[in-house]
Amino acid sequence: MEITHIYKEKLVAELALLEKELATVGRVNPENPADWQAVPADMDTMKADENEVADTIEEFEGNTAILKQLEIRYNEVKTALERIEAGTFGTCSVCNKPIESNRLEANPAANTCKEHMN
């Protein structure tokens, strides 16, 4: 089995998991399908109860923070899959040298070699 195919399988599986996780805290922005929006928690809040309203706001803020991190990784994985299709996967985007195999094992979505990872 070609090594790129193994990474593609890993990335496709991770993308599916990320989509499931994103759906628990957000939704696809109807105005921009490439963007996700946090959604408030599904709480039965009585608007007159300040504590319940505060809890809802706190949950929404938590969802926003989680969504931001998941969306970053989601986009990294999508970009890696695009690089596979374009034939540029495994090549550093800075120096065009091959990305070390142990770096790709640790992070199949890596787009730089170890020298340029920061």
N, C-alpha and C. Protein backbone atom coordinates (compact mmCIF):
# COMPACT_ATOMS: atom_id res chain seq x y z
N MET A 1 0.85 -1.19 0.00
CA MET A 1 0.00 0.00 0.00
C MET A 1 0.89 1.25 0.00
N GLU A 2 0.60 2.17 -0.86
CA GLU A 2 1.38 3.40 -0.96
C GLU A 2 1.28 4.18 0.35
N ILE A 3 2.41 4.76 0.79
CA ILE A 3 2.47 5.47 2.07
C ILE A 3 1.49 6.65 2.11
N THR A 4 1.33 7.36 0.99
CA THR A 4 0.39 8.49 0.94
C THR A 4 -1.03 8.01 1.20
N HIS A 5 -1.35 6.81 0.71
CA HIS A 5 -2.68 6.26 0.91
C HIS A 5 -2.96 6.02 2.40
N ILE A 6 -1.95 5.58 3.13
CA ILE A 6 -2.10 5.36 4.58
C ILE A 6 -2.40 6.69 5.27
N TYR A 7 -1.65 7.74 4.93
CA TYR A 7 -1.90 9.05 5.52
C TYR A 7 -3.27 9.58 5.13
N LYS A 8 -3.68 9.33 3.90
CA LYS A 8 -5.00 9.79 3.45
C LYS A 8 -6.09 9.14 4.29
N GLU A 9 -5.98 7.84 4.54
CA GLU A 9 -6.96 7.16 5.38
C GLU A 9 -7.02 7.76 6.78
N LYS A 10 -5.85 8.03 7.36
CA LYS A 10 -5.80 8.64 8.69
C LYS A 10 -6.45 10.02 8.68
N LEU A 11 -6.14 10.80 7.67
CA LEU A 11 -6.68 12.16 7.58
C LEU A 11 -8.19 12.15 7.35
N VAL A 12 -8.68 11.26 6.51
CA VAL A 12 -10.13 11.17 6.26
C VAL A 12 -10.85 10.78 7.56
N ALA A 13 -10.28 9.84 8.30
CA ALA A 13 -10.89 9.42 9.56
C ALA A 13 -10.88 10.56 10.57
N GLU A 14 -9.77 11.30 10.64
CA GLU A 14 -9.70 12.43 11.57
C GLU A 14 -10.68 13.52 11.16
N LEU A 15 -10.82 13.78 9.87
CA LEU A 15 -11.75 14.80 9.40
C LEU A 15 -13.18 14.45 9.81
N ALA A 16 -13.56 13.20 9.67
CA ALA A 16 -14.90 12.77 10.07
C ALA A 16 -15.12 12.96 11.57
N LEU A 17 -14.11 12.63 12.36
CA LEU A 17 -14.20 12.81 13.81
C LEU A 17 -14.31 14.29 14.16
N LEU A 18 -13.51 15.11 13.50
CA LEU A 18 -13.58 16.56 13.75
C LEU A 18 -14.94 17.13 13.38
N GLU A 19 -15.52 16.66 12.28
CA GLU A 19 -16.84 17.14 11.88
C GLU A 19 -17.88 16.79 12.94
N LYS A 20 -17.79 15.57 13.50
CA LYS A 20 -18.72 15.17 14.56
C LYS A 20 -18.55 16.05 15.79
N GLU A 21 -17.29 16.28 16.17
CA GLU A 21 -17.02 17.11 17.34
C GLU A 21 -17.45 18.56 17.11
N LEU A 22 -17.19 19.08 15.93
CA LEU A 22 -17.62 20.45 15.62
C LEU A 22 -19.15 20.57 15.71
N ALA A 23 -19.85 19.56 15.25
CA ALA A 23 -21.32 19.60 15.27
C ALA A 23 -21.88 19.62 16.69
N THR A 24 -21.09 19.19 17.67
CA THR A 24 -21.58 19.22 19.06
C THR A 24 -21.51 20.62 19.67
N VAL A 25 -20.69 21.50 19.08
CA VAL A 25 -20.54 22.85 19.64
C VAL A 25 -20.86 23.95 18.64
N GLY A 26 -21.13 23.56 17.40
CA GLY A 26 -21.38 24.58 16.40
C GLY A 26 -22.15 24.06 15.21
N ARG A 27 -22.20 24.91 14.19
CA ARG A 27 -22.87 24.56 12.95
C ARG A 27 -22.15 25.27 11.82
N VAL A 28 -22.34 24.77 10.62
CA VAL A 28 -21.75 25.42 9.45
C VAL A 28 -22.47 26.75 9.24
N ASN A 29 -21.70 27.77 9.01
CA ASN A 29 -22.25 29.10 8.78
C ASN A 29 -23.01 29.07 7.45
N PRO A 30 -24.33 29.33 7.46
CA PRO A 30 -25.10 29.26 6.22
C PRO A 30 -24.65 30.29 5.17
N GLU A 31 -24.02 31.37 5.61
CA GLU A 31 -23.56 32.40 4.69
C GLU A 31 -22.15 32.12 4.16
N ASN A 32 -21.41 31.23 4.85
CA ASN A 32 -20.05 30.88 4.43
C ASN A 32 -19.80 29.42 4.80
N PRO A 33 -20.06 28.49 3.90
CA PRO A 33 -19.94 27.07 4.21
C PRO A 33 -18.53 26.63 4.63
N ALA A 34 -17.53 27.47 4.44
CA ALA A 34 -16.17 27.13 4.87
C ALA A 34 -15.93 27.53 6.32
N ASP A 35 -16.94 28.10 6.96
CA ASP A 35 -16.80 28.61 8.32
C ASP A 35 -17.78 27.92 9.25
N TRP A 36 -17.39 27.76 10.50
CA TRP A 36 -18.26 27.19 11.53
C TRP A 36 -18.60 28.28 12.54
N GLN A 37 -19.80 28.20 13.12
CA GLN A 37 -20.23 29.13 14.15
C GLN A 37 -20.56 28.35 15.40
N ALA A 38 -20.18 28.91 16.55
CA ALA A 38 -20.58 28.29 17.81
C ALA A 38 -22.07 28.46 17.99
N VAL A 39 -22.68 27.51 18.67
CA VAL A 39 -24.10 27.61 19.00
C VAL A 39 -24.24 27.59 20.51
N PRO A 40 -25.25 28.26 21.02
CA PRO A 40 -25.46 28.24 22.46
C PRO A 40 -25.89 26.85 22.91
N ALA A 41 -25.64 26.57 24.17
CA ALA A 41 -26.04 25.29 24.73
C ALA A 41 -27.54 25.15 24.66
N ASP A 42 -28.01 23.95 24.51
CA ASP A 42 -29.43 23.67 24.46
C ASP A 42 -29.94 23.56 25.90
N MET A 43 -30.20 24.70 26.49
CA MET A 43 -30.65 24.73 27.88
C MET A 43 -32.06 25.27 27.92
N ASP A 44 -32.82 24.77 28.84
CA ASP A 44 -34.18 25.27 29.05
C ASP A 44 -34.08 26.40 30.07
N THR A 45 -33.80 27.57 29.57
CA THR A 45 -33.59 28.69 30.48
C THR A 45 -34.81 29.60 30.49
N MET A 46 -35.10 30.02 31.68
CA MET A 46 -36.14 31.02 31.84
C MET A 46 -35.42 32.36 31.81
N LYS A 47 -35.77 33.19 30.90
CA LYS A 47 -35.04 34.44 30.69
C LYS A 47 -35.03 35.33 31.93
N ALA A 48 -35.95 35.13 32.85
CA ALA A 48 -35.99 35.94 34.05
C ALA A 48 -34.96 35.50 35.08
N ASP A 49 -34.46 34.29 34.98
CA ASP A 49 -33.50 33.77 35.95
C ASP A 49 -32.08 34.14 35.50
N GLU A 50 -31.47 35.09 36.21
CA GLU A 50 -30.15 35.59 35.83
C GLU A 50 -29.09 34.50 35.84
N ASN A 51 -29.18 33.56 36.78
CA ASN A 51 -28.19 32.49 36.86
C ASN A 51 -28.26 31.57 35.63
N GLU A 52 -29.45 31.25 35.20
CA GLU A 52 -29.60 30.39 34.02
C GLU A 52 -29.12 31.10 32.77
N VAL A 53 -29.40 32.38 32.66
CA VAL A 53 -28.94 33.15 31.51
C VAL A 53 -27.41 33.21 31.53
N ALA A 54 -26.83 33.44 32.70
CA ALA A 54 -25.37 33.47 32.81
C ALA A 54 -24.76 32.13 32.45
N ASP A 55 -25.39 31.04 32.87
CA ASP A 55 -24.90 29.70 32.52
C ASP A 55 -24.93 29.48 31.01
N THR A 56 -25.99 29.96 30.37
CA THR A 56 -26.12 29.84 28.92
C THR A 56 -25.00 30.61 28.22
N ILE A 57 -24.74 31.82 28.68
CA ILE A 57 -23.68 32.64 28.08
C ILE A 57 -22.32 31.97 28.29
N GLU A 58 -22.10 31.45 29.49
CA GLU A 58 -20.83 30.77 29.79
C GLU A 58 -20.64 29.55 28.90
N GLU A 59 -21.70 28.79 28.70
CA GLU A 59 -21.64 27.60 27.84
C GLU A 59 -21.34 28.00 26.40
N PHE A 60 -21.96 29.08 25.94
CA PHE A 60 -21.72 29.56 24.58
C PHE A 60 -20.26 29.98 24.40
N GLU A 61 -19.72 30.68 25.40
CA GLU A 61 -18.32 31.09 25.34
C GLU A 61 -17.40 29.88 25.32
N GLY A 62 -17.73 28.85 26.09
CA GLY A 62 -16.96 27.62 26.08
C GLY A 62 -17.03 26.94 24.73
N ASN A 63 -18.21 26.90 24.13
CA ASN A 63 -18.39 26.31 22.81
C ASN A 63 -17.57 27.07 21.77
N THR A 64 -17.52 28.39 21.91
CA THR A 64 -16.76 29.21 20.97
C THR A 64 -15.28 28.88 21.04
N ALA A 65 -14.75 28.74 22.24
CA ALA A 65 -13.33 28.41 22.40
C ALA A 65 -13.01 27.02 21.86
N ILE A 66 -13.85 26.07 22.15
CA ILE A 66 -13.65 24.69 21.65
C ILE A 66 -13.75 24.68 20.13
N LEU A 67 -14.76 25.35 19.62
CA LEU A 67 -14.96 25.39 18.17
C LEU A 67 -13.75 25.98 17.46
N LYS A 68 -13.18 27.03 18.02
CA LYS A 68 -12.03 27.68 17.39
C LYS A 68 -10.88 26.68 17.23
N GLN A 69 -10.57 25.93 18.27
CA GLN A 69 -9.48 24.96 18.20
C GLN A 69 -9.79 23.83 17.23
N LEU A 70 -11.02 23.32 17.28
CA LEU A 70 -11.41 22.25 16.37
C LEU A 70 -11.38 22.72 14.92
N GLU A 71 -11.83 23.94 14.69
CA GLU A 71 -11.88 24.46 13.32
C GLU A 71 -10.47 24.64 12.75
N ILE A 72 -9.53 25.06 13.58
CA ILE A 72 -8.15 25.18 13.12
C ILE A 72 -7.63 23.83 12.65
N ARG A 73 -7.84 22.79 13.48
CA ARG A 73 -7.36 21.46 13.11
C ARG A 73 -8.12 20.94 11.90
N TYR A 74 -9.42 21.18 11.84
CA TYR A 74 -10.26 20.76 10.71
C TYR A 74 -9.69 21.31 9.41
N ASN A 75 -9.34 22.59 9.41
CA ASN A 75 -8.80 23.22 8.21
C ASN A 75 -7.41 22.69 7.86
N GLU A 76 -6.61 22.38 8.89
CA GLU A 76 -5.30 21.78 8.63
C GLU A 76 -5.45 20.42 7.94
N VAL A 77 -6.39 19.63 8.43
CA VAL A 77 -6.61 18.29 7.86
C VAL A 77 -7.15 18.41 6.43
N LYS A 78 -8.10 19.32 6.21
CA LYS A 78 -8.63 19.52 4.85
C LYS A 78 -7.52 19.94 3.89
N THR A 79 -6.65 20.82 4.34
CA THR A 79 -5.55 21.28 3.50
C THR A 79 -4.59 20.13 3.19
N ALA A 80 -4.33 19.28 4.17
CA ALA A 80 -3.45 18.12 3.94
C ALA A 80 -4.07 17.19 2.89
N LEU A 81 -5.38 16.98 2.97
CA LEU A 81 -6.05 16.15 1.96
C LEU A 81 -5.97 16.79 0.58
N GLU A 82 -6.07 18.09 0.53
CA GLU A 82 -5.94 18.80 -0.75
C GLU A 82 -4.52 18.64 -1.30
N ARG A 83 -3.51 18.65 -0.41
CA ARG A 83 -2.12 18.45 -0.85
C ARG A 83 -1.93 17.04 -1.38
N ILE A 84 -2.60 16.07 -0.80
CA ILE A 84 -2.51 14.70 -1.33
C ILE A 84 -3.04 14.67 -2.75
N GLU A 85 -4.22 15.28 -2.96
CA GLU A 85 -4.81 15.30 -4.30
C GLU A 85 -3.94 16.06 -5.30
N ALA A 86 -3.25 17.10 -4.83
CA ALA A 86 -2.41 17.91 -5.72
C ALA A 86 -1.03 17.30 -5.94
N GLY A 87 -0.72 16.26 -5.17
CA GLY A 87 0.58 15.62 -5.32
C GLY A 87 1.71 16.33 -4.58
N THR A 88 1.37 17.22 -3.67
CA THR A 88 2.40 17.96 -2.93
C THR A 88 2.49 17.53 -1.47
N PHE A 89 1.75 16.50 -1.09
CA PHE A 89 1.77 16.03 0.30
C PHE A 89 3.16 15.53 0.65
N GLY A 90 3.59 15.84 1.89
CA GLY A 90 4.88 15.36 2.36
C GLY A 90 6.04 16.24 1.96
N THR A 91 5.74 17.37 1.36
CA THR A 91 6.77 18.33 0.95
C THR A 91 6.61 19.59 1.78
N CYS A 92 7.70 20.08 2.36
CA CYS A 92 7.68 21.29 3.19
C CYS A 92 7.22 22.48 2.36
N SER A 93 6.27 23.22 2.88
CA SER A 93 5.74 24.39 2.16
C SER A 93 6.72 25.57 2.18
N VAL A 94 7.77 25.48 2.99
CA VAL A 94 8.75 26.56 3.06
C VAL A 94 9.97 26.27 2.16
N CYS A 95 10.56 25.09 2.33
CA CYS A 95 11.82 24.79 1.62
C CYS A 95 11.67 23.74 0.51
N ASN A 96 10.47 23.18 0.37
CA ASN A 96 10.18 22.17 -0.65
C ASN A 96 10.95 20.86 -0.48
N LYS A 97 11.54 20.63 0.69
CA LYS A 97 12.21 19.37 0.98
C LYS A 97 11.18 18.40 1.57
N PRO A 98 11.45 17.12 1.51
CA PRO A 98 10.52 16.15 2.10
C PRO A 98 10.35 16.36 3.61
N ILE A 99 9.13 16.23 4.07
CA ILE A 99 8.85 16.29 5.51
C ILE A 99 9.25 14.95 6.10
N GLU A 100 9.93 14.97 7.23
CA GLU A 100 10.40 13.76 7.88
C GLU A 100 9.24 12.83 8.17
N SER A 101 9.46 11.52 7.96
CA SER A 101 8.40 10.54 8.14
C SER A 101 7.90 10.50 9.59
N ASN A 102 8.82 10.67 10.57
CA ASN A 102 8.35 10.65 11.96
C ASN A 102 7.50 11.88 12.28
N ARG A 103 7.73 12.98 11.60
CA ARG A 103 6.87 14.16 11.78
C ARG A 103 5.49 13.89 11.20
N LEU A 104 5.43 13.27 10.02
CA LEU A 104 4.14 12.95 9.42
C LEU A 104 3.40 11.89 10.24
N GLU A 105 4.14 10.97 10.84
CA GLU A 105 3.50 9.97 11.70
C GLU A 105 2.83 10.66 12.89
N ALA A 106 3.54 11.63 13.47
CA ALA A 106 3.00 12.35 14.63
C ALA A 106 1.86 13.29 14.24
N ASN A 107 1.97 13.87 13.05
CA ASN A 107 0.97 14.82 12.58
C ASN A 107 0.84 14.73 11.06
N PRO A 108 -0.05 13.87 10.58
CA PRO A 108 -0.20 13.71 9.13
C PRO A 108 -0.59 14.99 8.40
N ALA A 109 -1.09 15.99 9.12
CA ALA A 109 -1.48 17.25 8.49
C ALA A 109 -0.33 18.25 8.45
N ALA A 110 0.86 17.87 8.90
CA ALA A 110 2.00 18.78 8.90
C ALA A 110 2.29 19.27 7.49
N ASN A 111 2.56 20.55 7.37
CA ASN A 111 2.89 21.09 6.04
C ASN A 111 4.30 21.65 5.97
N THR A 112 5.07 21.45 7.06
CA THR A 112 6.46 21.87 7.06
C THR A 112 7.34 20.78 7.66
N CYS A 113 8.61 20.85 7.32
CA CYS A 113 9.57 19.94 7.92
C CYS A 113 9.86 20.42 9.35
N LYS A 114 10.63 19.63 10.08
CA LYS A 114 10.94 19.98 11.47
C LYS A 114 11.65 21.33 11.57
N GLU A 115 12.52 21.60 10.63
CA GLU A 115 13.27 22.86 10.66
C GLU A 115 12.35 24.08 10.58
N HIS A 116 11.24 23.95 9.86
CA HIS A 116 10.35 25.09 9.64
C HIS A 116 9.02 25.00 10.38
N MET A 117 8.91 24.11 11.35
CA MET A 117 7.61 23.91 11.99
C MET A 117 7.20 25.04 12.91
N ASN A 118 8.08 25.93 13.25
CA ASN A 118 7.69 27.08 14.09
C ASN A 118 7.63 28.27 13.23
